[in-house]
Each structure stands twice: as C-alpha cells, then as structure tokens.
N, C-alpha and C. Protein backbone atom coordinates (compact mmCIF):
# COMPACT_ATOMS: atom_id res chain seq x y z
N MET A 1 126.97 -14.56 -25.27
CA MET A 1 125.70 -14.12 -26.58
C MET A 1 125.29 -15.32 -26.58
N ALA A 2 125.46 -16.37 -26.29
CA ALA A 2 123.87 -17.25 -26.53
C ALA A 2 123.17 -17.37 -25.41
N LYS A 3 123.84 -17.07 -24.50
CA LYS A 3 123.05 -17.03 -22.84
C LYS A 3 121.63 -15.71 -23.01
N ALA A 4 122.63 -14.79 -23.30
CA ALA A 4 121.60 -13.65 -23.97
C ALA A 4 120.48 -14.12 -24.69
N LYS A 5 120.23 -14.48 -25.36
CA LYS A 5 119.67 -14.93 -26.02
C LYS A 5 118.10 -15.82 -26.06
N ALA A 6 118.39 -16.39 -25.05
CA ALA A 6 118.05 -17.69 -24.12
C ALA A 6 116.85 -17.35 -23.13
N LYS A 7 118.00 -16.19 -22.63
CA LYS A 7 116.98 -15.75 -21.64
C LYS A 7 116.05 -14.30 -21.69
N ALA A 8 115.99 -13.76 -23.05
CA ALA A 8 115.17 -13.00 -24.08
C ALA A 8 114.24 -14.02 -24.09
N LYS A 9 114.85 -14.86 -24.93
CA LYS A 9 113.56 -15.95 -25.45
C LYS A 9 112.14 -16.43 -24.06
N ASN A 10 112.82 -16.48 -23.01
CA ASN A 10 112.45 -17.25 -21.71
C ASN A 10 111.50 -16.67 -20.68
N TRP A 11 111.83 -15.46 -21.14
CA TRP A 11 110.90 -13.88 -20.18
C TRP A 11 109.55 -14.17 -19.89
N ILE A 12 109.22 -15.05 -20.49
CA ILE A 12 107.54 -14.98 -20.23
C ILE A 12 107.55 -15.88 -19.19
N LYS A 13 108.31 -17.22 -19.02
CA LYS A 13 109.21 -18.28 -17.60
C LYS A 13 108.39 -17.68 -16.72
N GLY A 14 109.58 -16.53 -16.63
CA GLY A 14 110.29 -15.49 -14.94
C GLY A 14 108.90 -14.28 -15.17
N ALA A 15 108.25 -13.73 -15.91
CA ALA A 15 107.11 -13.25 -15.30
C ALA A 15 106.00 -14.14 -15.07
N ILE A 16 105.95 -15.10 -15.15
CA ILE A 16 103.71 -15.93 -14.86
C ILE A 16 104.27 -16.77 -13.03
N ARG A 17 104.36 -15.81 -12.19
CA ARG A 17 104.19 -16.38 -10.68
C ARG A 17 103.74 -17.26 -10.21
N ARG A 18 102.69 -17.07 -10.50
CA ARG A 18 101.45 -18.09 -10.36
C ARG A 18 100.49 -18.65 -11.15
N PRO A 19 100.74 -19.48 -11.89
CA PRO A 19 100.08 -20.14 -13.16
C PRO A 19 99.23 -20.33 -12.66
N GLY A 20 97.85 -20.33 -13.72
CA GLY A 20 96.66 -20.24 -13.46
C GLY A 20 95.69 -19.67 -12.69
N ALA A 21 96.42 -19.16 -11.71
CA ALA A 21 95.65 -17.71 -10.88
C ALA A 21 95.16 -16.33 -11.41
N PHE A 22 95.38 -16.05 -12.79
CA PHE A 22 94.58 -15.58 -13.21
C PHE A 22 92.91 -16.33 -13.72
N THR A 23 93.39 -17.12 -14.76
CA THR A 23 92.23 -17.71 -15.16
C THR A 23 91.40 -18.15 -14.51
N LYS A 24 91.85 -18.57 -12.47
CA LYS A 24 90.60 -19.25 -12.35
C LYS A 24 89.86 -17.82 -11.53
N LYS A 25 90.79 -16.36 -11.54
CA LYS A 25 89.99 -15.70 -10.66
C LYS A 25 88.96 -15.25 -12.17
N ALA A 26 89.43 -15.55 -13.76
CA ALA A 26 88.39 -15.23 -14.11
C ALA A 26 87.18 -16.04 -14.50
N LYS A 27 87.49 -17.16 -14.37
CA LYS A 27 86.42 -18.17 -13.81
C LYS A 27 85.48 -18.18 -13.15
N ALA A 28 85.99 -17.49 -12.17
CA ALA A 28 85.09 -17.66 -10.47
C ALA A 28 84.33 -16.18 -11.07
N ALA A 29 84.62 -15.37 -11.52
CA ALA A 29 83.49 -13.92 -11.75
C ALA A 29 83.19 -14.23 -13.48
N GLY A 30 83.13 -15.54 -13.41
CA GLY A 30 82.26 -15.93 -15.22
C GLY A 30 82.37 -15.34 -16.35
N GLU A 31 83.76 -14.94 -16.44
CA GLU A 31 84.29 -14.24 -17.89
C GLU A 31 85.26 -15.09 -18.38
N THR A 32 85.59 -15.06 -20.10
CA THR A 32 87.03 -15.17 -20.28
C THR A 32 88.03 -14.39 -19.67
N THR A 33 89.13 -14.99 -20.30
CA THR A 33 90.56 -14.07 -19.26
C THR A 33 90.29 -12.61 -20.09
N GLU A 34 90.23 -12.84 -21.57
CA GLU A 34 90.32 -11.51 -22.00
C GLU A 34 89.44 -10.59 -22.08
N GLN A 35 87.61 -11.64 -21.56
CA GLN A 35 87.13 -9.88 -20.83
C GLN A 35 87.26 -9.77 -19.46
N TYR A 36 87.75 -10.43 -18.85
CA TYR A 36 88.04 -9.99 -17.52
C TYR A 36 89.62 -8.96 -17.33
N ALA A 37 90.17 -9.34 -18.08
CA ALA A 37 91.30 -8.27 -18.13
C ALA A 37 90.84 -7.13 -19.14
N ALA A 38 90.04 -6.82 -19.61
CA ALA A 38 89.72 -5.90 -20.09
C ALA A 38 88.59 -4.96 -18.60
N ALA A 39 87.87 -6.03 -17.76
CA ALA A 39 87.24 -4.98 -16.69
C ALA A 39 88.41 -4.79 -15.84
N VAL A 40 89.07 -5.24 -15.72
CA VAL A 40 90.17 -5.18 -14.72
C VAL A 40 90.84 -3.94 -14.59
N THR A 41 91.16 -4.03 -16.18
CA THR A 41 91.99 -2.69 -16.17
C THR A 41 91.54 -1.42 -16.44
N LYS A 42 90.30 -1.13 -16.50
CA LYS A 42 89.22 -0.18 -17.06
C LYS A 42 89.79 0.66 -15.60
N PRO A 43 89.97 2.26 -16.01
CA PRO A 43 90.20 3.03 -14.84
C PRO A 43 88.78 3.49 -14.15
N GLY A 44 89.63 3.44 -13.08
CA GLY A 44 88.46 3.87 -12.06
C GLY A 44 87.92 1.71 -11.40
N SER A 45 88.91 0.96 -11.49
CA SER A 45 88.58 -0.56 -10.88
C SER A 45 88.97 -0.56 -9.82
N LYS A 46 88.43 -1.09 -9.16
CA LYS A 46 89.32 -1.50 -7.60
C LYS A 46 89.54 -2.81 -7.61
N ALA A 47 90.03 -2.98 -8.64
CA ALA A 47 90.84 -4.22 -8.45
C ALA A 47 92.00 -4.45 -7.47
N PRO A 48 93.05 -5.00 -6.75
CA PRO A 48 93.92 -5.44 -6.14
C PRO A 48 95.54 -5.33 -7.43
N ALA A 49 96.53 -5.10 -6.88
CA ALA A 49 97.16 -4.12 -8.02
C ALA A 49 98.36 -5.54 -8.46
N LEU A 50 98.14 -6.38 -7.80
CA LEU A 50 98.86 -7.54 -8.26
C LEU A 50 97.59 -8.81 -9.66
N THR A 51 96.37 -8.29 -9.54
CA THR A 51 94.92 -8.30 -10.51
C THR A 51 95.36 -7.45 -11.51
N LYS A 52 95.48 -6.36 -11.05
CA LYS A 52 95.46 -5.99 -12.70
C LYS A 52 97.19 -5.94 -13.64
N LYS A 53 98.32 -6.46 -12.36
CA LYS A 53 100.08 -6.97 -12.88
C LYS A 53 99.27 -7.80 -13.24
N GLN A 54 98.33 -9.10 -13.50
CA GLN A 54 98.64 -9.76 -14.04
C GLN A 54 97.07 -10.05 -15.06
N ALA A 55 96.35 -9.11 -15.31
CA ALA A 55 95.89 -8.83 -16.52
C ALA A 55 96.46 -8.34 -17.42
N ASN A 56 97.49 -7.16 -17.20
CA ASN A 56 98.06 -6.68 -18.27
C ASN A 56 99.30 -7.52 -19.06
N LEU A 57 99.97 -8.34 -18.29
CA LEU A 57 100.23 -9.72 -18.77
C LEU A 57 99.55 -10.34 -20.13
N ALA A 58 98.10 -10.74 -18.96
CA ALA A 58 97.76 -11.48 -19.91
C ALA A 58 96.92 -10.92 -21.13
N LYS A 59 96.80 -10.11 -21.67
CA LYS A 59 96.66 -9.04 -22.52
C LYS A 59 97.86 -9.37 -23.54
N THR A 60 98.94 -8.91 -22.92
CA THR A 60 100.59 -9.03 -23.64
C THR A 60 100.80 -10.32 -24.27
N LEU A 61 99.73 -11.53 -23.18
CA LEU A 61 100.42 -12.42 -23.75
C LEU A 61 99.25 -13.20 -24.77
N ALA A 62 97.90 -12.72 -25.16
CA ALA A 62 97.53 -12.61 -25.78
C ALA A 62 97.78 -11.75 -27.24
N LYS A 63 98.86 -10.91 -27.17
CA LYS A 63 98.47 -10.08 -28.68
C LYS A 63 100.12 -10.79 -29.04
N LEU A 64 100.74 -11.47 -28.30
CA LEU A 64 101.85 -12.13 -29.30
C LEU A 64 101.07 -13.88 -29.89
N ARG A 65 100.51 -14.32 -28.64
CA ARG A 65 99.66 -15.01 -29.51
C ARG A 65 99.16 -14.91 -30.92
N LYS A 66 98.38 -13.68 -31.04
CA LYS A 66 97.60 -13.40 -31.85
C LYS A 66 98.47 -13.19 -33.42
N ASN A 67 99.79 -12.31 -32.57
CA ASN A 67 101.06 -12.27 -33.79
C ASN A 67 101.82 -13.62 -34.43
N LYS A 68 101.71 -14.32 -33.74
CA LYS A 68 102.12 -15.75 -34.48
C LYS A 68 101.45 -16.46 -34.78
N LYS A 69 100.26 -16.25 -34.24
CA LYS A 69 99.08 -17.46 -35.78
C LYS A 69 99.17 -16.45 -37.47
N LYS A 70 99.64 -14.85 -37.23
CA LYS A 70 99.72 -14.60 -38.53
C LYS A 70 100.55 -15.41 -39.70
C-alpha cells in the first residue's frame, strides 16, 4: 500500500524524460514555455510528436502548480 502511494506521488519524475529540453526549445523560439506549449498544441501545428507530448506535459504541470498556489 505504501509503495502505491509513493509511486502515485512520484509520477512526475517518471514522466519527464529529458529535463529542460522543452524549456530550451521555447527559449530558442523566443517564447515562454506556456506560449510555446500553446503554439505547439494548436491544430495544424507541424511540430514533431515528441514536442507535442512535451507541450501537453508542460500544460499539465502548469495547472498543477497553479492549483497548489491557491
């Protein structure tokens, strides 16, 4: 039971495969991570699948952070 709770708590650590990679892509594009994530996930975007996955994860993590601040 304790392992299941610890595993559920640390899902973020397992989800991030290349720390800082998405931020680096956003800075290269001259945008913040939130702006870049919005641009990449728009319909018709020609971004690679990996970048789209990273953008979706960035959006999810941003929501978690905003909920924690409240």
